């Protein structure tokens, strides 16, 4: 699929969720994501209650922290392996939990933009994860052509995610979110490369950078949603 065709597909998804959002009137509170705080659950329990922006901010951070945490655990399980090239026995369970996080992030935006939008973001994020897994598999096999192909698709997917988020929210500028997404990919590649080459000090340092960066990205996205839907959040 060409980049232009991918862009048309993302635009169609954005139009879909815009229509859904307009139809539902943004009337309901977000369903707390997996691992949400008790305050978030309590806020949701009272229909019509405004959301505490601090709780929303923290819950968004939790979701994106889960994203990098479970990505790291996936890399550990997929790359480290056992004698004879066998992967660690927790790989399937870790992969399932990592993919669940993409659903959780989609669910977190659905109350604002509609279920179709949540599903569309989940699909884009699942591609992000599954393509990263392709890169790791190809790198372990020493197939540099496959690494290059998967890496190009991975960065194109990051651009698609950035377009999706920017088109949804006028407070999320494409260039800013695209730079954040591409930095996230750069950092994850550095983390995976350090682990593949046995650079354990570099591996740990890379994760520290990733962790701080993803918190910044989570704050940028949650701030944008609060600005876009001020009527949904408590003030003062």
Protein backbone atom coordinates (compact mmCIF):
# COMPACT_ATOMS: atom_id res chain seq x y z
CA UNK A 1 0.00 0.00 0.00
CA UNK A 2 1.36 3.43 -0.94
CA UNK A 3 1.81 6.21 1.63
CA UNK A 4 -0.95 8.19 -0.15
CA UNK A 5 -3.33 5.24 0.13
CA UNK A 6 -2.48 4.80 3.81
CA UNK A 7 -3.14 8.51 4.35
CA UNK A 8 -6.58 8.21 2.68
CA UNK A 9 -7.36 5.25 4.91
CA UNK A 10 -6.46 7.19 8.06
CA UNK A 11 -8.55 10.16 6.89
CA UNK A 12 -11.52 7.85 6.36
CA UNK A 13 -11.17 6.48 9.87
CA UNK A 14 -10.99 9.98 11.31
CA UNK A 15 -14.14 11.00 9.42
CA UNK A 16 -15.90 7.91 10.76
CA UNK A 17 -15.17 8.69 14.39
CA UNK A 18 -15.98 12.39 13.92
CA UNK A 19 -19.47 11.42 12.74
CA UNK A 20 -19.87 8.96 15.60
CA UNK A 21 -18.76 11.58 18.12
CA UNK A 22 -21.18 14.14 16.74
CA UNK A 23 -24.03 11.65 16.95
CA UNK A 24 -23.41 10.62 20.54
CA UNK A 25 -22.91 14.20 21.78
CA UNK A 26 -19.99 13.17 24.04
CA UNK A 27 -22.49 12.63 26.83
CA UNK A 28 -20.97 9.76 28.79
CA UNK A 29 -17.94 9.54 31.08
CA UNK A 30 -14.96 7.44 30.03
CA UNK A 31 -14.91 3.82 31.15
CA UNK A 32 -11.84 3.41 33.37
CA UNK A 33 -9.04 1.57 31.58
CA UNK A 34 -7.35 -1.55 32.91
CA UNK A 35 -5.51 -0.62 36.10
CA UNK A 36 -7.35 2.67 36.51
CA UNK A 37 -7.32 4.26 39.95
CA UNK A 38 -10.25 3.98 42.41
CA UNK A 39 -10.88 7.71 41.90
CA UNK A 40 -11.35 7.15 38.17
CA UNK A 41 -13.80 4.31 38.82
CA UNK A 42 -15.72 6.46 41.30
CA UNK A 43 -15.85 9.35 38.83
CA UNK A 44 -17.28 7.05 36.19
CA UNK A 45 -19.89 5.59 38.54
CA UNK A 46 -21.79 8.86 38.76
CA UNK A 47 -23.24 9.48 35.28
CA UNK A 48 -23.03 13.14 34.37
CA UNK A 49 -20.21 13.87 36.81
CA UNK A 50 -17.29 15.73 35.37
CA UNK A 51 -13.93 13.98 35.19
CA UNK A 52 -11.13 15.00 37.53
CA UNK A 53 -8.42 16.14 35.10
CA UNK A 54 -5.68 15.03 37.50
CA UNK A 55 -7.11 11.50 37.57
CA UNK A 56 -7.43 11.49 33.79
CA UNK A 57 -3.83 12.71 33.47
CA UNK A 58 -2.57 9.95 35.77
CA UNK A 59 -4.61 7.25 34.04
CA UNK A 60 -3.23 8.28 30.65
CA UNK A 61 0.28 8.09 32.07
CA UNK A 62 -0.46 4.59 33.39
CA UNK A 63 -1.61 3.41 29.96
CA UNK A 64 1.48 4.67 28.16
CA UNK A 65 3.80 3.47 30.93
CA UNK A 66 2.24 0.05 30.42
CA UNK A 67 2.99 0.43 26.72
CA UNK A 68 6.75 0.81 27.24
CA UNK A 69 6.92 -1.56 30.23
CA UNK A 70 5.29 -4.46 28.41
CA UNK A 71 7.28 -3.66 25.26
CA UNK A 72 10.44 -3.96 27.32
CA UNK A 73 9.31 -7.25 28.85
CA UNK A 74 8.48 -8.51 25.36
CA UNK A 75 12.00 -7.60 24.19
CA UNK A 76 13.53 -9.39 27.17
CA UNK A 77 11.51 -12.55 26.49
CA UNK A 78 11.87 -12.49 22.70
CA UNK A 79 15.56 -11.60 22.51
CA UNK A 80 17.16 -13.18 25.57
CA UNK A 81 15.95 -16.71 24.95
CA UNK A 82 17.24 -20.00 26.30
CA UNK A 83 20.04 -22.33 25.18
CA UNK A 84 19.34 -23.72 21.74
CA UNK A 85 17.47 -20.59 20.62
CA UNK A 86 14.26 -21.30 22.52
CA UNK A 87 12.36 -18.20 23.62
CA UNK A 88 11.49 -17.68 27.27
CA UNK A 89 8.29 -19.51 28.33
CA UNK A 90 6.52 -16.28 29.28
CA UNK A 91 6.68 -14.88 25.71
CA UNK A 92 3.09 -15.70 24.73
CA UNK A 93 1.59 -14.33 27.94
CA UNK A 94 3.75 -11.21 27.74
CA UNK A 95 2.77 -10.65 24.10
CA UNK A 96 -0.93 -11.01 24.95
CA UNK A 97 -0.60 -8.44 27.75
CA UNK A 98 1.25 -6.04 25.47
CA UNK A 99 -1.47 -6.32 22.82
CA UNK A 100 -4.14 -5.82 25.49
CA UNK A 101 -2.53 -2.47 26.27
CA UNK A 102 -3.25 -1.31 22.73
CA UNK A 103 -6.93 -2.15 23.28
CA UNK A 104 -6.84 -0.28 26.60
CA UNK A 105 -5.48 2.86 24.92
CA UNK A 106 -8.16 2.66 22.22
CA UNK A 107 -10.83 2.23 24.91
CA UNK A 108 -9.52 5.32 26.71
CA UNK A 109 -10.27 7.59 23.74
CA UNK A 110 -13.54 5.92 22.73
CA UNK A 111 -15.72 7.88 25.21
CA UNK A 112 -14.54 11.11 23.59
CA UNK A 113 -14.43 10.12 19.91
CA UNK A 114 -16.63 7.04 19.63
CA UNK A 115 -16.11 3.28 19.63
CA UNK A 116 -15.07 3.21 15.98
CA UNK A 117 -12.27 5.66 16.72
CA UNK A 118 -11.12 3.59 19.68
CA UNK A 119 -11.04 0.46 17.52
CA UNK A 120 -9.18 2.31 14.77
CA UNK A 121 -6.49 3.56 17.16
CA UNK A 122 -6.18 0.07 18.64
CA UNK A 123 -5.65 -1.34 15.13
CA UNK A 124 -2.93 1.20 14.38
CA UNK A 125 -1.20 0.50 17.69
CA UNK A 126 -1.41 -3.28 17.19
CA UNK A 127 0.35 -2.80 13.86
CA UNK A 128 2.98 -0.75 15.72
CA UNK A 129 3.60 -3.65 18.11
CA UNK A 130 3.41 -6.50 15.60
CA UNK A 131 5.77 -4.74 13.19
CA UNK A 132 8.25 -4.18 16.02
CA UNK A 133 8.08 -7.93 16.65
CA UNK A 134 8.88 -8.51 12.97
CA UNK A 135 11.97 -6.31 13.30
CA UNK A 136 13.17 -8.26 16.34
CA UNK A 137 12.60 -11.61 14.65
CA UNK A 138 14.41 -10.53 11.48
CA UNK A 139 17.31 -9.04 13.46
CA UNK A 140 17.74 -12.27 15.44
CA UNK A 141 17.80 -14.20 12.15
CA UNK A 142 20.36 -11.79 10.66
CA UNK A 143 18.04 -10.93 7.75
CA UNK A 144 18.95 -7.30 7.12
CA UNK A 145 16.61 -6.93 4.14
CA UNK A 146 13.66 -8.00 6.27
CA UNK A 147 14.82 -5.65 9.04
CA UNK A 148 14.93 -2.73 6.60
CA UNK A 149 11.50 -3.54 5.15
CA UNK A 150 9.82 -3.91 8.55
CA UNK A 151 11.53 -0.78 9.90
CA UNK A 152 10.28 1.32 6.97
CA UNK A 153 6.72 0.07 7.57
CA UNK A 154 7.11 0.71 11.31
CA UNK A 155 7.98 4.38 10.79
CA UNK A 156 5.19 4.77 8.21
CA UNK A 157 2.77 3.39 10.79
CA UNK A 158 4.06 5.94 13.33
CA UNK A 159 3.23 8.69 10.83
CA UNK A 160 -0.27 7.20 10.43
CA UNK A 161 -0.79 7.20 14.20
CA UNK A 162 0.38 10.83 14.37
CA UNK A 163 -1.99 11.84 11.56
CA UNK A 164 -4.85 10.03 13.29
CA UNK A 165 -4.28 11.80 16.61
CA UNK A 166 -3.66 15.22 15.05
CA UNK A 167 -6.73 15.03 12.81
CA UNK A 168 -8.84 14.13 15.85
CA UNK A 169 -7.76 17.04 18.00
CA UNK A 170 -6.86 20.61 16.97
CA UNK A 171 -4.70 20.89 20.11
CA UNK A 172 -2.51 17.96 18.97
CA UNK A 173 -0.31 19.32 16.20
CA UNK A 174 0.87 16.75 13.66
CA UNK A 175 4.52 17.79 13.63
CA UNK A 176 4.72 17.63 17.42
CA UNK A 177 3.06 14.24 17.83
CA UNK A 178 4.92 12.83 14.81
CA UNK A 179 8.25 13.89 16.34
CA UNK A 180 7.19 12.29 19.63
CA UNK A 181 6.18 9.06 17.91
CA UNK A 182 9.36 8.87 15.84
CA UNK A 183 11.50 9.55 18.91
CA UNK A 184 9.68 6.71 20.65
CA UNK A 185 10.61 4.40 17.76
CA UNK A 186 14.22 5.60 17.73
CA UNK A 187 14.48 4.93 21.44
CA UNK A 188 12.88 1.49 21.19
CA UNK A 189 15.29 0.54 18.40
CA UNK A 190 18.19 1.64 20.60
CA UNK A 191 16.82 -0.47 23.46
CA UNK A 192 16.35 -3.54 21.25
CA UNK A 193 19.79 -3.13 19.65
CA UNK A 194 21.48 -2.86 23.04
CA UNK A 195 19.78 -6.05 24.19
CA UNK A 196 20.55 -7.90 20.95
CA UNK A 197 24.23 -7.01 21.26
CA UNK A 198 24.47 -7.71 24.99
CA UNK A 199 25.10 -4.07 25.92
CA UNK A 200 23.31 -4.31 29.25
CA UNK A 201 24.35 -0.87 30.48
CA UNK A 202 23.10 0.66 27.24
CA UNK A 203 19.93 -1.41 27.49
CA UNK A 204 19.11 -0.01 30.93
CA UNK A 205 20.00 3.54 29.89
CA UNK A 206 17.79 3.29 26.81
CA UNK A 207 14.79 2.27 28.89
CA UNK A 208 15.29 5.22 31.24
CA UNK A 209 15.10 7.55 28.23
CA UNK A 210 12.03 5.73 26.87
CA UNK A 211 10.23 5.92 30.20
CA UNK A 212 10.67 9.68 30.61
CA UNK A 213 9.78 10.32 26.98
CA UNK A 214 6.53 8.33 27.09
CA UNK A 215 5.38 10.25 30.19
CA UNK A 216 5.90 13.48 28.25
CA UNK A 217 3.93 12.08 25.31
CA UNK A 218 1.10 10.92 27.60
CA UNK A 219 0.89 14.39 29.15
CA UNK A 220 0.79 16.01 25.72
CA UNK A 221 -2.11 13.80 24.65
CA UNK A 222 -4.12 14.11 27.88
CA UNK A 223 -3.64 17.89 27.93
CA UNK A 224 -4.95 18.02 24.36
CA UNK A 225 -8.10 16.09 25.25
CA UNK A 226 -8.78 18.27 28.29
CA UNK A 227 -8.43 21.39 26.12
CA UNK A 228 -10.68 19.95 23.41
CA UNK A 229 -13.45 18.89 25.80
CA UNK A 230 -13.34 21.38 28.73
CA UNK A 231 -17.02 20.75 29.45
CA UNK A 232 -16.21 17.14 30.35
CA UNK A 233 -13.71 18.02 33.07
CA UNK A 234 -13.92 19.60 36.51
CA UNK A 235 -12.44 23.05 36.95
CA UNK A 236 -11.10 24.73 40.06
